[in-house]
Protein backbone atom coordinates (compact mmCIF):
# COMPACT_ATOMS: atom_id res chain seq x y z
CA MET A 1 -0.05 0.03 -0.04
CA LYS A 2 2.90 2.46 0.91
CA LYS A 3 4.27 1.62 -2.73
CA TYR A 4 1.14 2.90 -4.32
CA ILE A 5 0.80 6.06 -2.33
CA TRP A 6 4.43 6.84 -3.01
CA LEU A 7 3.83 6.27 -6.77
CA LEU A 8 0.78 8.24 -6.67
CA THR A 9 2.43 11.28 -4.91
CA ILE A 10 5.19 11.20 -7.66
CA GLY A 11 2.80 10.97 -10.34
CA MET A 12 1.03 14.14 -8.94
CA LEU A 13 4.12 16.03 -8.71
CA LEU A 14 5.08 15.30 -12.22
CA PHE A 15 1.67 16.17 -13.41
CA THR A 16 1.93 19.62 -11.56
CA ALA A 17 5.40 20.34 -12.97
CA CYS A 18 4.09 19.67 -16.40
CA SER A 19 1.06 21.81 -16.00
CA SER A 20 3.10 24.86 -14.72
CA SER A 21 5.41 24.40 -17.51
CA ASP A 22 2.55 24.59 -20.00
CA ASP A 23 1.19 27.76 -18.15
CA ASP A 24 4.66 29.46 -18.41
CA GLU A 25 4.74 28.54 -22.17
CA GLU A 26 1.09 29.90 -22.72
CA LYS A 27 2.04 33.14 -20.97
CA LYS A 28 5.20 33.63 -22.96
CA GLY A 29 3.13 33.34 -25.98
CA ASP A 30 0.86 36.27 -25.08
CA THR A 31 3.80 38.57 -23.86
CA LEU A 32 3.78 41.79 -25.94
CA THR A 33 6.61 42.19 -28.20
CA VAL A 34 7.65 45.03 -30.56
CA GLU A 35 6.90 42.55 -33.41
CA LYS A 36 3.45 41.93 -31.98
CA LEU A 37 2.79 45.66 -31.43
CA ALA A 38 4.14 47.07 -34.69
CA GLY A 39 1.31 48.01 -37.13
CA LEU A 40 -2.04 50.05 -37.13
CA TRP A 41 -4.45 49.52 -34.09
CA VAL A 42 -8.12 50.78 -34.20
CA ALA A 43 -10.91 51.36 -31.99
CA ASP A 44 -14.19 52.14 -33.59
CA TYR A 45 -17.11 52.81 -31.27
CA ALA A 46 -20.39 54.77 -30.92
CA GLN A 47 -20.30 58.12 -29.23
CA SER A 48 -22.78 61.00 -29.65
CA ALA A 49 -21.66 64.53 -28.89
CA THR A 50 -21.52 68.04 -30.15
CA GLU A 51 -18.63 70.34 -29.63
CA ASP A 52 -17.77 73.73 -31.50
CA GLY A 53 -20.72 73.40 -33.81
CA LYS A 54 -19.82 69.81 -34.85
CA THR A 55 -22.01 66.80 -34.01
CA TRP A 56 -20.68 63.25 -34.41
CA THR A 57 -22.11 59.66 -33.70
CA ARG A 58 -19.19 57.68 -34.05
CA VAL A 59 -15.42 57.77 -33.30
CA LEU A 60 -12.57 56.03 -34.96
CA GLU A 61 -9.26 56.14 -32.92
CA ASP A 62 -5.97 54.74 -34.32
CA PHE A 63 -2.46 54.36 -33.03
CA LEU A 64 0.41 53.36 -35.35
CA PHE A 65 3.21 51.83 -33.82
CA ARG A 66 6.53 51.64 -35.72
CA ALA A 67 9.31 48.87 -34.82
CA ASP A 68 11.53 51.73 -34.08
CA GLY A 69 9.73 53.20 -31.10
CA THR A 70 7.74 55.88 -32.90
CA GLY A 71 4.38 56.22 -34.25
CA TYR A 72 1.14 58.66 -34.23
CA TRP A 73 -2.12 58.84 -32.72
CA GLU A 74 -5.56 60.01 -34.57
CA ILE A 75 -9.32 60.37 -33.52
CA TYR A 76 -11.61 60.78 -36.43
CA LEU A 77 -15.07 62.16 -35.48
CA LEU A 78 -17.89 60.95 -37.89
CA ASP A 79 -21.49 61.51 -38.26
CA ALA A 80 -22.56 57.89 -39.35
CA ASN A 81 -19.77 57.59 -42.14
CA LYS A 82 -19.34 61.24 -42.85
CA LEU A 83 -16.00 62.97 -41.50
CA VAL A 84 -16.91 66.04 -39.39
CA GLY A 85 -13.66 66.52 -37.37
CA ILE A 86 -10.29 65.15 -36.41
CA ASP A 87 -8.57 65.41 -33.01
CA GLY A 88 -4.86 64.50 -33.29
CA ASN A 89 -3.37 63.33 -36.53
CA ARG A 90 -0.11 61.78 -37.89
CA ASP A 91 1.16 65.27 -38.89
CA ASN A 92 0.83 66.86 -35.52
CA ASP A 93 0.82 64.07 -32.86
CA LEU A 94 3.83 61.92 -33.35
CA THR A 95 4.46 59.60 -30.54
CA HIS A 96 7.38 57.61 -28.86
CA TYR A 97 6.54 54.41 -26.90
CA THR A 98 8.18 51.85 -24.77
CA ILE A 99 7.04 48.30 -23.80
CA SER A 100 7.29 47.15 -20.15
CA GLY A 101 6.00 43.59 -19.72
CA ASN A 102 2.46 43.68 -21.26
CA THR A 103 2.19 47.62 -20.95
CA VAL A 104 2.63 50.16 -23.84
CA ASN A 105 3.80 53.63 -22.48
CA ILE A 106 3.07 56.38 -25.03
CA THR A 107 4.19 59.87 -24.96
CA LEU A 108 2.97 62.47 -27.49
CA ASP A 109 5.82 64.56 -28.66
CA ASN A 110 4.22 67.96 -28.86
CA SER A 111 2.56 67.86 -25.33
CA ILE A 112 2.80 66.64 -21.93
CA ILE A 113 0.05 63.91 -22.69
CA GLU A 114 1.01 60.32 -21.80
CA CYS A 115 -1.15 57.18 -21.89
CA THR A 116 -0.76 53.58 -21.11
CA LEU A 117 -2.30 50.74 -22.91
CA THR A 118 -2.28 47.15 -21.49
CA TYR A 119 -1.91 44.16 -23.90
CA ALA A 120 -3.90 40.91 -23.31
CA ASP A 121 -5.56 38.37 -25.65
CA GLY A 122 -4.24 40.20 -28.80
CA LYS A 123 -5.99 43.43 -27.82
CA LEU A 124 -4.66 46.88 -26.38
CA THR A 125 -6.86 48.51 -23.69
CA ASP A 126 -6.94 52.04 -22.18
CA PRO A 127 -7.40 51.20 -18.59
CA GLU A 128 -8.48 54.80 -17.83
CA GLU A 129 -11.00 55.12 -20.78
CA GLY A 130 -11.73 51.49 -21.34
CA THR A 131 -11.25 51.94 -25.07
CA VAL A 132 -10.18 48.57 -26.64
CA TYR A 133 -7.95 48.51 -29.72
CA GLN A 134 -7.39 45.93 -32.14
CA LYS A 135 -4.87 45.20 -35.02
CA ALA A 136 -6.57 46.94 -38.02
CA THR A 137 -7.93 44.67 -40.76
CA THR A 138 -7.44 45.62 -44.32
CA GLU A 139 -10.72 47.31 -44.48
CA GLN A 140 -9.97 49.36 -41.50
CA GLN A 141 -6.47 50.33 -42.78
CA THR A 142 -8.34 51.66 -46.07
CA LEU A 143 -10.90 53.50 -44.15
CA VAL A 144 -8.12 55.22 -41.91
CA GLU A 145 -6.27 56.28 -45.07
CA GLN A 146 -9.48 57.47 -46.79
CA LEU A 147 -10.52 59.60 -43.62
CA TYR A 148 -6.89 61.11 -43.56
CA SER A 149 -7.02 61.94 -47.29
CA GLU A 150 -10.44 63.49 -46.78
CA TRP A 151 -9.17 65.46 -43.99
CA GLN A 152 -6.30 66.80 -45.93
CA GLY A 153 -8.58 67.91 -48.53
CA MET A 154 -10.79 69.72 -45.99
CA ASN A 155 -7.60 71.63 -45.09
CA SER A 156 -5.75 72.03 -48.34
CA GLY A 157 -7.55 75.37 -49.32
CA ASN A 158 -8.78 73.60 -52.54
CA GLU A 159 -12.35 73.37 -51.38
CA ASP A 160 -14.27 76.54 -50.60
CA ASP A 161 -16.16 76.53 -47.59
CA GLY A 162 -17.82 79.85 -48.19
CA SER A 163 -15.10 81.76 -46.16
CA THR A 164 -12.98 82.88 -49.15
CA VAL A 165 -13.59 86.45 -50.24
CA LYS A 166 -13.92 86.62 -53.86
CA THR A 167 -13.15 89.90 -55.83
CA ASP A 168 -12.95 90.91 -59.45
CA VAL A 169 -9.44 91.93 -59.02
CA ASN A 170 -7.03 89.89 -61.66
CA ASP A 171 -3.51 90.02 -62.52
CA SER A 172 -3.86 92.54 -65.38
CA TYR A 173 -4.12 95.34 -62.70
CA THR A 174 -0.65 94.59 -61.59
CA ASP A 175 1.07 97.00 -64.17
CA GLU A 176 -1.05 99.93 -63.38
CA PRO A 177 0.79 102.50 -61.30
CA ALA A 178 -0.25 102.86 -57.57
CA ARG A 179 -2.99 105.52 -57.19
CA SER A 180 -2.57 107.90 -54.24
CA ARG A 181 -5.34 110.01 -52.77
CA LYS A 182 -5.33 113.70 -54.18
CA ARG A 183 -4.99 116.25 -51.66
């Protein structure tokens, strides 16, 4: 009988050791690395708000993480699928990040804003806001590029929003001598 108890005890110890080893391997597989992080991460969620005369019903946020520790952050404000505003963008909100365990620490270069995202189960989560980011699909990448191009068009001066003052002055007046008021 002692022999069976002894064999059972050794068997349980071996089983426990294997189980622990398997858990360690599983945790290593879900550890955040630069290779896993590099790329575009997107959060697309419903939010209704009005600010500065702009009304939106949907928000698309994205972070781009490059392998060299840099990237950018953008927030697109949409009314359904129509772009109504942007907060932060790749031209102005460049970022630097570091990885510590499964935490990404992000600093915006042009401000004192810092944020931390946690990585688990292939997702990044902002613990303060609860926003969940996932690696962008091809469709989401296309949408982000489309929104960025649309925003550039809105700010290029090529589209007249009604604020341009139009006059009948043209280049043919440039050769005319300056006129001064008679005294």
